[in-house]
Amino acid sequence: MLCDALRDDAPEGYDFIIETGRKYFKVVMDARGSRSVHCFIDRKSGSVLKSASWKSPAKGERYNLLLIKDREWLFENADWASGYLYKK
């Protein structure tokens, strides 16, 4: 559902896919052939983490998909440029 929310907000030609790893789901943005990591989702805890690099997330949970309030806010406010992942 997060990928659908991101696709709805993104300009034409941008797509979001999920790659599965041992510890994290990796949300990857494919922008006209150029790929980058949008965010990571912890497979056990449901934590949404900003990416630090292609292989690792930044420290600190931004949202938790298991919490209804966080999940609803995230699906309504997620933007393709990942501005919602910065800590305030």
PDB file of N, CA and C in Angstrom:
ATOM      1  N   MET A   1       0.814  -1.193   0.000  1.00  0.00           N
ATOM      2  CA  MET A   1       0.000   0.000   0.000  1.00  0.00           C
ATOM      3  C   MET A   1       0.864   1.266   0.000  1.00  0.00           C
ATOM      4  N   LEU A   2       2.038   1.190   0.631  1.00  0.00           N
ATOM      5  CA  LEU A   2       2.932   2.348   0.628  1.00  0.00           C
ATOM      6  C   LEU A   2       3.391   2.651  -0.796  1.00  0.00           C
ATOM      7  N   CYS A   3       3.725   1.630  -1.564  1.00  0.00           N
ATOM      8  CA  CYS A   3       4.151   1.845  -2.954  1.00  0.00           C
ATOM      9  C   CYS A   3       3.031   2.474  -3.772  1.00  0.00           C
ATOM     10  N   ASP A   4       1.790   2.064  -3.534  1.00  0.00           N
ATOM     11  CA  ASP A   4       0.654   2.661  -4.244  1.00  0.00           C
ATOM     12  C   ASP A   4       0.512   4.140  -3.905  1.00  0.00           C
ATOM     13  N   ALA A   5       0.673   4.496  -2.616  1.00  0.00           N
ATOM     14  CA  ALA A   5       0.586   5.900  -2.202  1.00  0.00           C
ATOM     15  C   ALA A   5       1.701   6.717  -2.829  1.00  0.00           C
ATOM     16  N   LEU A   6       2.889   6.150  -2.922  1.00  0.00           N
ATOM     17  CA  LEU A   6       4.019   6.858  -3.528  1.00  0.00           C
ATOM     18  C   LEU A   6       3.831   7.021  -5.029  1.00  0.00           C
ATOM     19  N   ARG A   7       3.312   5.992  -5.697  1.00  0.00           N
ATOM     20  CA  ARG A   7       3.044   6.076  -7.144  1.00  0.00           C
ATOM     21  C   ARG A   7       2.023   7.162  -7.455  1.00  0.00           C
ATOM     22  N   ASP A   8       1.005   7.279  -6.607  1.00  0.00           N
ATOM     23  CA  ASP A   8      -0.034   8.288  -6.831  1.00  0.00           C
ATOM     24  C   ASP A   8       0.527   9.700  -6.754  1.00  0.00           C
ATOM     25  N   ASP A   9       1.563   9.900  -5.922  1.00  0.00           N
ATOM     26  CA  ASP A   9       2.132  11.225  -5.726  1.00  0.00           C
ATOM     27  C   ASP A   9       3.263  11.530  -6.717  1.00  0.00           C
ATOM     28  N   ALA A  10       3.870  10.514  -7.289  1.00  0.00           N
ATOM     29  CA  ALA A  10       5.063  10.686  -8.127  1.00  0.00           C
ATOM     30  C   ALA A  10       4.732  11.208  -9.525  1.00  0.00           C
ATOM     31  N   PRO A  11       5.695  11.907 -10.132  1.00  0.00           N
ATOM     32  CA  PRO A  11       5.527  12.323 -11.526  1.00  0.00           C
ATOM     33  C   PRO A  11       5.497  11.106 -12.444  1.00  0.00           C
ATOM     34  N   GLU A  12       5.056  11.305 -13.663  1.00  0.00           N
ATOM     35  CA  GLU A  12       4.986  10.211 -14.636  1.00  0.00           C
ATOM     36  C   GLU A  12       6.389   9.671 -14.915  1.00  0.00           C
ATOM     37  N   GLY A  13       6.500   8.361 -15.022  1.00  0.00           N
ATOM     38  CA  GLY A  13       7.789   7.737 -15.296  1.00  0.00           C
ATOM     39  C   GLY A  13       8.490   7.207 -14.058  1.00  0.00           C
ATOM     40  N   TYR A  14       7.934   7.455 -12.898  1.00  0.00           N
ATOM     41  CA  TYR A  14       8.515   6.976 -11.655  1.00  0.00           C
ATOM     42  C   TYR A  14       7.716   5.773 -11.163  1.00  0.00           C
ATOM     43  N   ASP A  15       8.436   4.758 -10.680  1.00  0.00           N
ATOM     44  CA  ASP A  15       7.765   3.576 -10.157  1.00  0.00           C
ATOM     45  C   ASP A  15       8.430   3.169  -8.849  1.00  0.00           C
ATOM     46  N   PHE A  16       7.701   2.507  -7.992  1.00  0.00           N
ATOM     47  CA  PHE A  16       8.201   2.058  -6.700  1.00  0.00           C
ATOM     48  C   PHE A  16       7.966   0.557  -6.589  1.00  0.00           C
ATOM     49  N   ILE A  17       9.020  -0.162  -6.237  1.00  0.00           N
ATOM     50  CA  ILE A  17       8.923  -1.610  -6.078  1.00  0.00           C
ATOM     51  C   ILE A  17       9.535  -2.006  -4.735  1.00  0.00           C
ATOM     52  N   ILE A  18       9.194  -3.202  -4.275  1.00  0.00           N
ATOM     53  CA  ILE A  18       9.726  -3.700  -3.011  1.00  0.00           C
ATOM     54  C   ILE A  18      10.658  -4.863  -3.301  1.00  0.00           C
ATOM     55  N   GLU A  19      11.862  -4.788  -2.744  1.00  0.00           N
ATOM     56  CA  GLU A  19      12.810  -5.893  -2.806  1.00  0.00           C
ATOM     57  C   GLU A  19      12.919  -6.474  -1.402  1.00  0.00           C
ATOM     58  N   THR A  20      12.924  -7.790  -1.296  1.00  0.00           N
ATOM     59  CA  THR A  20      12.955  -8.447   0.003  1.00  0.00           C
ATOM     60  C   THR A  20      14.376  -8.860   0.356  1.00  0.00           C
ATOM     61  N   GLY A  21      14.780  -8.499   1.575  1.00  0.00           N
ATOM     62  CA  GLY A  21      16.081  -8.900   2.092  1.00  0.00           C
ATOM     63  C   GLY A  21      15.897  -9.730   3.349  1.00  0.00           C
ATOM     64  N   ARG A  22      16.998 -10.108   3.984  1.00  0.00           N
ATOM     65  CA  ARG A  22      16.903 -10.925   5.199  1.00  0.00           C
ATOM     66  C   ARG A  22      16.235 -10.173   6.343  1.00  0.00           C
ATOM     67  N   LYS A  23      16.623  -8.910   6.544  1.00  0.00           N
ATOM     68  CA  LYS A  23      16.115  -8.144   7.677  1.00  0.00           C
ATOM     69  C   LYS A  23      15.113  -7.064   7.284  1.00  0.00           C
ATOM     70  N   TYR A  24      15.245  -6.530   6.080  1.00  0.00           N
ATOM     71  CA  TYR A  24      14.420  -5.398   5.667  1.00  0.00           C
ATOM     72  C   TYR A  24      13.736  -5.644   4.323  1.00  0.00           C
ATOM     73  N   PHE A  25      12.607  -4.978   4.152  1.00  0.00           N
ATOM     74  CA  PHE A  25      12.038  -4.777   2.827  1.00  0.00           C
ATOM     75  C   PHE A  25      12.636  -3.465   2.343  1.00  0.00           C
ATOM     76  N   LYS A  26      13.082  -3.418   1.115  1.00  0.00           N
ATOM     77  CA  LYS A  26      13.679  -2.215   0.553  1.00  0.00           C
ATOM     78  C   LYS A  26      12.700  -1.645  -0.459  1.00  0.00           C
ATOM     79  N   VAL A  27      12.231  -0.414  -0.240  1.00  0.00           N
ATOM     80  CA  VAL A  27      11.360   0.257  -1.197  1.00  0.00           C
ATOM     81  C   VAL A  27      12.266   1.017  -2.163  1.00  0.00           C
ATOM     82  N   VAL A  28      12.259   0.597  -3.425  1.00  0.00           N
ATOM     83  CA  VAL A  28      13.162   1.143  -4.433  1.00  0.00           C
ATOM     84  C   VAL A  28      12.387   2.011  -5.410  1.00  0.00           C
ATOM     85  N   MET A  29      12.929   3.199  -5.667  1.00  0.00           N
ATOM     86  CA  MET A  29      12.327   4.108  -6.638  1.00  0.00           C
ATOM     87  C   MET A  29      13.063   3.935  -7.966  1.00  0.00           C
ATOM     88  N   ASP A  30      12.316   3.626  -9.014  1.00  0.00           N
ATOM     89  CA  ASP A  30      12.864   3.492 -10.352  1.00  0.00           C
ATOM     90  C   ASP A  30      12.407   4.708 -11.145  1.00  0.00           C
ATOM     91  N   ALA A  31      13.336   5.613 -11.373  1.00  0.00           N
ATOM     92  CA  ALA A  31      13.024   6.861 -12.054  1.00  0.00           C
ATOM     93  C   ALA A  31      13.656   6.860 -13.436  1.00  0.00           C
ATOM     94  N   ARG A  32      12.904   6.354 -14.400  1.00  0.00           N
ATOM     95  CA  ARG A  32      13.350   6.342 -15.798  1.00  0.00           C
ATOM     96  C   ARG A  32      14.701   5.639 -15.953  1.00  0.00           C
ATOM     97  N   GLY A  33      14.827   4.460 -15.317  1.00  0.00           N
ATOM     98  CA  GLY A  33      16.043   3.668 -15.442  1.00  0.00           C
ATOM     99  C   GLY A  33      17.060   3.879 -14.345  1.00  0.00           C
ATOM    100  N   SER A  34      16.949   4.936 -13.580  1.00  0.00           N
ATOM    101  CA  SER A  34      17.851   5.202 -12.462  1.00  0.00           C
ATOM    102  C   SER A  34      17.177   4.730 -11.177  1.00  0.00           C
ATOM    103  N   ARG A  35      17.852   3.857 -10.433  1.00  0.00           N
ATOM    104  CA  ARG A  35      17.240   3.288  -9.229  1.00  0.00           C
ATOM    105  C   ARG A  35      17.909   3.829  -7.971  1.00  0.00           C
ATOM    106  N   SER A  36      17.094   4.078  -6.940  1.00  0.00           N
ATOM    107  CA  SER A  36      17.607   4.496  -5.635  1.00  0.00           C
ATOM    108  C   SER A  36      16.675   3.950  -4.556  1.00  0.00           C
ATOM    109  N   VAL A  37      17.209   3.851  -3.346  1.00  0.00           N
ATOM    110  CA  VAL A  37      16.409   3.344  -2.234  1.00  0.00           C
ATOM    111  C   VAL A  37      15.609   4.487  -1.643  1.00  0.00           C
ATOM    112  N   HIS A  38      14.305   4.299  -1.568  1.00  0.00           N
ATOM    113  CA  HIS A  38      13.423   5.300  -0.979  1.00  0.00           C
ATOM    114  C   HIS A  38      13.407   5.163   0.540  1.00  0.00           C
ATOM    115  N   CYS A  39      13.188   3.941   1.035  1.00  0.00           N
ATOM    116  CA  CYS A  39      13.195   3.691   2.474  1.00  0.00           C
ATOM    117  C   CYS A  39      13.335   2.198   2.733  1.00  0.00           C
ATOM    118  N   PHE A  40      13.539   1.860   3.986  1.00  0.00           N
ATOM    119  CA  PHE A  40      13.595   0.468   4.419  1.00  0.00           C
ATOM    120  C   PHE A  40      12.443   0.222   5.377  1.00  0.00           C
ATOM    121  N   ILE A  41      11.922  -1.005   5.394  1.00  0.00           N
ATOM    122  CA  ILE A  41      10.890  -1.403   6.352  1.00  0.00           C
ATOM    123  C   ILE A  41      11.384  -2.661   7.048  1.00  0.00           C
ATOM    124  N   ASP A  42      11.488  -2.597   8.368  1.00  0.00           N
ATOM    125  CA  ASP A  42      11.934  -3.742   9.152  1.00  0.00           C
ATOM    126  C   ASP A  42      10.893  -4.847   9.061  1.00  0.00           C
ATOM    127  N   ARG A  43      11.317  -6.047   8.689  1.00  0.00           N
ATOM    128  CA  ARG A  43      10.377  -7.146   8.467  1.00  0.00           C
ATOM    129  C   ARG A  43       9.696  -7.606   9.750  1.00  0.00           C
ATOM    130  N   LYS A  44      10.374  -7.514  10.890  1.00  0.00           N
ATOM    131  CA  LYS A  44       9.803  -8.001  12.145  1.00  0.00           C
ATOM    132  C   LYS A  44       8.960  -6.947  12.858  1.00  0.00           C
ATOM    133  N   SER A  45       9.483  -5.727  12.952  1.00  0.00           N
ATOM    134  CA  SER A  45       8.824  -4.712  13.766  1.00  0.00           C
ATOM    135  C   SER A  45       7.896  -3.778  12.987  1.00  0.00           C
ATOM    136  N   GLY A  46       8.015  -3.730  11.647  1.00  0.00           N
ATOM    137  CA  GLY A  46       7.197  -2.826  10.849  1.00  0.00           C
ATOM    138  C   GLY A  46       7.699  -1.396  10.840  1.00  0.00           C
ATOM    139  N   SER A  47       8.898  -1.157  11.372  1.00  0.00           N
ATOM    140  CA  SER A  47       9.468   0.193  11.418  1.00  0.00           C
ATOM    141  C   SER A  47       9.846   0.671  10.026  1.00  0.00           C
ATOM    142  N   VAL A  48       9.500   1.907   9.721  1.00  0.00           N
ATOM    143  CA  VAL A  48       9.889   2.542   8.459  1.00  0.00           C
ATOM    144  C   VAL A  48      11.120   3.382   8.753  1.00  0.00           C
ATOM    145  N   LEU A  49      12.193   3.143   7.995  1.00  0.00           N
ATOM    146  CA  LEU A  49      13.472   3.807   8.223  1.00  0.00           C
ATOM    147  C   LEU A  49      13.928   4.517   6.960  1.00  0.00           C
ATOM    148  N   LYS A  50      14.463   5.719   7.114  1.00  0.00           N
ATOM    149  CA  LYS A  50      15.029   6.458   5.993  1.00  0.00           C
ATOM    150  C   LYS A  50      16.296   5.734   5.542  1.00  0.00           C
ATOM    151  N   SER A  51      16.620   5.784   4.282  1.00  0.00           N
ATOM    152  CA  SER A  51      17.820   5.099   3.803  1.00  0.00           C
ATOM    153  C   SER A  51      19.061   5.956   4.038  1.00  0.00           C
ATOM    154  N   ALA A  52      20.149   5.296   4.427  1.00  0.00           N
ATOM    155  CA  ALA A  52      21.443   5.968   4.567  1.00  0.00           C
ATOM    156  C   ALA A  52      22.292   5.694   3.324  1.00  0.00           C
ATOM    157  N   SER A  53      22.103   4.507   2.757  1.00  0.00           N
ATOM    158  CA  SER A  53      22.801   4.122   1.536  1.00  0.00           C
ATOM    159  C   SER A  53      21.982   3.039   0.844  1.00  0.00           C
ATOM    160  N   TRP A  54      22.517   2.480  -0.219  1.00  0.00           N
ATOM    161  CA  TRP A  54      21.804   1.427  -0.941  1.00  0.00           C
ATOM    162  C   TRP A  54      21.630   0.190  -0.063  1.00  0.00           C
ATOM    163  N   LYS A  55      22.571  -0.055   0.836  1.00  0.00           N
ATOM    164  CA  LYS A  55      22.554  -1.283   1.625  1.00  0.00           C
ATOM    165  C   LYS A  55      22.076  -1.122   3.056  1.00  0.00           C
ATOM    166  N   SER A  56      21.990   0.085   3.578  1.00  0.00           N
ATOM    167  CA  SER A  56      21.645   0.212   5.001  1.00  0.00           C
ATOM    168  C   SER A  56      20.735   1.406   5.283  1.00  0.00           C
ATOM    169  N   PRO A  57      19.890   1.256   6.311  1.00  0.00           N
ATOM    170  CA  PRO A  57      19.012   2.353   6.715  1.00  0.00           C
ATOM    171  C   PRO A  57      19.706   3.298   7.687  1.00  0.00           C
ATOM    172  N   ALA A  58      19.162   4.497   7.811  1.00  0.00           N
ATOM    173  CA  ALA A  58      19.629   5.445   8.824  1.00  0.00           C
ATOM    174  C   ALA A  58      19.080   5.002  10.173  1.00  0.00           C
ATOM    175  N   LYS A  59      19.713   5.451  11.226  1.00  0.00           N
ATOM    176  CA  LYS A  59      19.260   5.077  12.564  1.00  0.00           C
ATOM    177  C   LYS A  59      18.000   5.841  12.928  1.00  0.00           C
ATOM    178  N   GLY A  60      17.165   5.210  13.707  1.00  0.00           N
ATOM    179  CA  GLY A  60      15.974   5.875  14.209  1.00  0.00           C
ATOM    180  C   GLY A  60      14.731   5.591  13.389  1.00  0.00           C
ATOM    181  N   GLU A  61      13.748   5.008  14.051  1.00  0.00           N
ATOM    182  CA  GLU A  61      12.466   4.717  13.407  1.00  0.00           C
ATOM    183  C   GLU A  61      11.748   6.014  13.074  1.00  0.00           C
ATOM    184  N   ARG A  62      11.202   6.102  11.869  1.00  0.00           N
ATOM    185  CA  ARG A  62      10.429   7.281  11.474  1.00  0.00           C
ATOM    186  C   ARG A  62       8.935   7.036  11.708  1.00  0.00           C
ATOM    187  N   TYR A  63       8.464   5.860  11.315  1.00  0.00           N
ATOM    188  CA  TYR A  63       7.060   5.470  11.486  1.00  0.00           C
ATOM    189  C   TYR A  63       7.018   3.975  11.738  1.00  0.00           C
ATOM    190  N   ASN A  64       5.871   3.491  12.194  1.00  0.00           N
ATOM    191  CA  ASN A  64       5.690   2.060  12.385  1.00  0.00           C
ATOM    192  C   ASN A  64       4.395   1.643  11.710  1.00  0.00           C
ATOM    193  N   LEU A  65       4.496   0.741  10.753  1.00  0.00           N
ATOM    194  CA  LEU A  65       3.312   0.314  10.003  1.00  0.00           C
ATOM    195  C   LEU A  65       2.360  -0.547  10.821  1.00  0.00           C
ATOM    196  N   LEU A  66       2.797  -1.035  11.973  1.00  0.00           N
ATOM    197  CA  LEU A  66       1.921  -1.833  12.827  1.00  0.00           C
ATOM    198  C   LEU A  66       0.999  -0.958  13.675  1.00  0.00           C
ATOM    199  N   LEU A  67       1.339   0.329  13.820  1.00  0.00           N
ATOM    200  CA  LEU A  67       0.498   1.271  14.564  1.00  0.00           C
ATOM    201  C   LEU A  67      -0.488   1.920  13.593  1.00  0.00           C
ATOM    202  N   ILE A  68      -1.756   1.772  13.865  1.00  0.00           N
ATOM    203  CA  ILE A  68      -2.800   2.250  12.943  1.00  0.00           C
ATOM    204  C   ILE A  68      -2.673   3.745  12.676  1.00  0.00           C
ATOM    205  N   LYS A  69      -2.435   4.532  13.715  1.00  0.00           N
ATOM    206  CA  LYS A  69      -2.336   5.990  13.562  1.00  0.00           C
ATOM    207  C   LYS A  69      -1.166   6.365  12.647  1.00  0.00           C
ATOM    208  N   ASP A  70       0.006   5.746  12.859  1.00  0.00           N
ATOM    209  CA  ASP A  70       1.175   6.000  12.002  1.00  0.00           C
ATOM    210  C   ASP A  70       0.900   5.573  10.565  1.00  0.00           C
ATOM    211  N   ARG A  71       0.323   4.395  10.404  1.00  0.00           N
ATOM    212  CA  ARG A  71       0.072   3.839   9.068  1.00  0.00           C
ATOM    213  C   ARG A  71      -0.882   4.725   8.276  1.00  0.00           C
ATOM    214  N   GLU A  72      -1.980   5.158   8.896  1.00  0.00           N
ATOM    215  CA  GLU A  72      -2.943   6.009   8.197  1.00  0.00           C
ATOM    216  C   GLU A  72      -2.319   7.341   7.803  1.00  0.00           C
ATOM    217  N   TRP A  73      -1.550   7.949   8.719  1.00  0.00           N
ATOM    218  CA  TRP A  73      -0.899   9.229   8.415  1.00  0.00           C
ATOM    219  C   TRP A  73       0.086   9.044   7.267  1.00  0.00           C
ATOM    220  N   LEU A  74       0.839   7.949   7.321  1.00  0.00           N
ATOM    221  CA  LEU A  74       1.849   7.689   6.312  1.00  0.00           C
ATOM    222  C   LEU A  74       1.237   7.529   4.926  1.00  0.00           C
ATOM    223  N   PHE A  75       0.174   6.761   4.815  1.00  0.00           N
ATOM    224  CA  PHE A  75      -0.453   6.537   3.516  1.00  0.00           C
ATOM    225  C   PHE A  75      -1.079   7.811   2.950  1.00  0.00           C
ATOM    226  N   GLU A  76      -1.506   8.722   3.797  1.00  0.00           N
ATOM    227  CA  GLU A  76      -2.095   9.983   3.326  1.00  0.00           C
ATOM    228  C   GLU A  76      -1.041  11.029   2.977  1.00  0.00           C
ATOM    229  N   ASN A  77       0.126  10.981   3.648  1.00  0.00           N
ATOM    230  CA  ASN A  77       1.106  12.059   3.509  1.00  0.00           C
ATOM    231  C   ASN A  77       2.426  11.663   2.865  1.00  0.00           C
ATOM    232  N   ALA A  78       2.591  10.408   2.495  1.00  0.00           N
ATOM    233  CA  ALA A  78       3.846   9.975   1.871  1.00  0.00           C
ATOM    234  C   ALA A  78       4.038  10.682   0.533  1.00  0.00           C
ATOM    235  N   ASP A  79       5.233  11.204   0.323  1.00  0.00           N
ATOM    236  CA  ASP A  79       5.520  11.858  -0.957  1.00  0.00           C
ATOM    237  C   ASP A  79       6.704  11.161  -1.618  1.00  0.00           C
ATOM    238  N   TRP A  80       6.741  11.179  -2.915  1.00  0.00           N
ATOM    239  CA  TRP A  80       7.733  10.452  -3.693  1.00  0.00           C
ATOM    240  C   TRP A  80       9.164  10.925  -3.423  1.00  0.00           C
ATOM    241  N   ALA A  81       9.341  12.163  -2.981  1.00  0.00           N
ATOM    242  CA  ALA A  81      10.666  12.725  -2.752  1.00  0.00           C
ATOM    243  C   ALA A  81      11.210  12.418  -1.357  1.00  0.00           C
ATOM    244  N   SER A  82      10.456  11.709  -0.543  1.00  0.00           N
ATOM    245  CA  SER A  82      10.826  11.233   0.803  1.00  0.00           C
ATOM    246  C   SER A  82      10.994  12.334   1.848  1.00  0.00           C
ATOM    247  N   GLY A  83      10.383  13.472   1.660  1.00  0.00           N
ATOM    248  CA  GLY A  83      10.458  14.549   2.649  1.00  0.00           C
ATOM    249  C   GLY A  83       9.802  14.164   3.973  1.00  0.00           C
ATOM    250  N   TYR A  84       8.860  13.269   3.950  1.00  0.00           N
ATOM    251  CA  TYR A  84       8.159  12.853   5.162  1.00  0.00           C
ATOM    252  C   TYR A  84       9.043  11.989   6.062  1.00  0.00           C
ATOM    253  N   LEU A  85      10.181  11.521   5.566  1.00  0.00           N
ATOM    254  CA  LEU A  85      11.062  10.653   6.347  1.00  0.00           C
ATOM    255  C   LEU A  85      12.067  11.419   7.192  1.00  0.00           C
ATOM    256  N   TYR A  86      12.189  12.729   7.003  1.00  0.00           N
ATOM    257  CA  TYR A  86      13.124  13.504   7.797  1.00  0.00           C
ATOM    258  C   TYR A  86      12.537  13.760   9.163  1.00  0.00           C
ATOM    259  N   LYS A  87      13.390  13.668  10.203  1.00  0.00           N
ATOM    260  CA  LYS A  87      12.930  13.918  11.573  1.00  0.00           C
ATOM    261  C   LYS A  87      12.681  15.397  11.755  1.00  0.00           C
ATOM    262  N   LYS A  88      11.673  15.690  12.545  1.00  0.00           N
ATOM    263  CA  LYS A  88      11.326  17.102  12.785  1.00  0.00           C
ATOM    264  C   LYS A  88      11.858  17.568  14.107  1.00  0.00           C
TER     265      LYS A  88
END
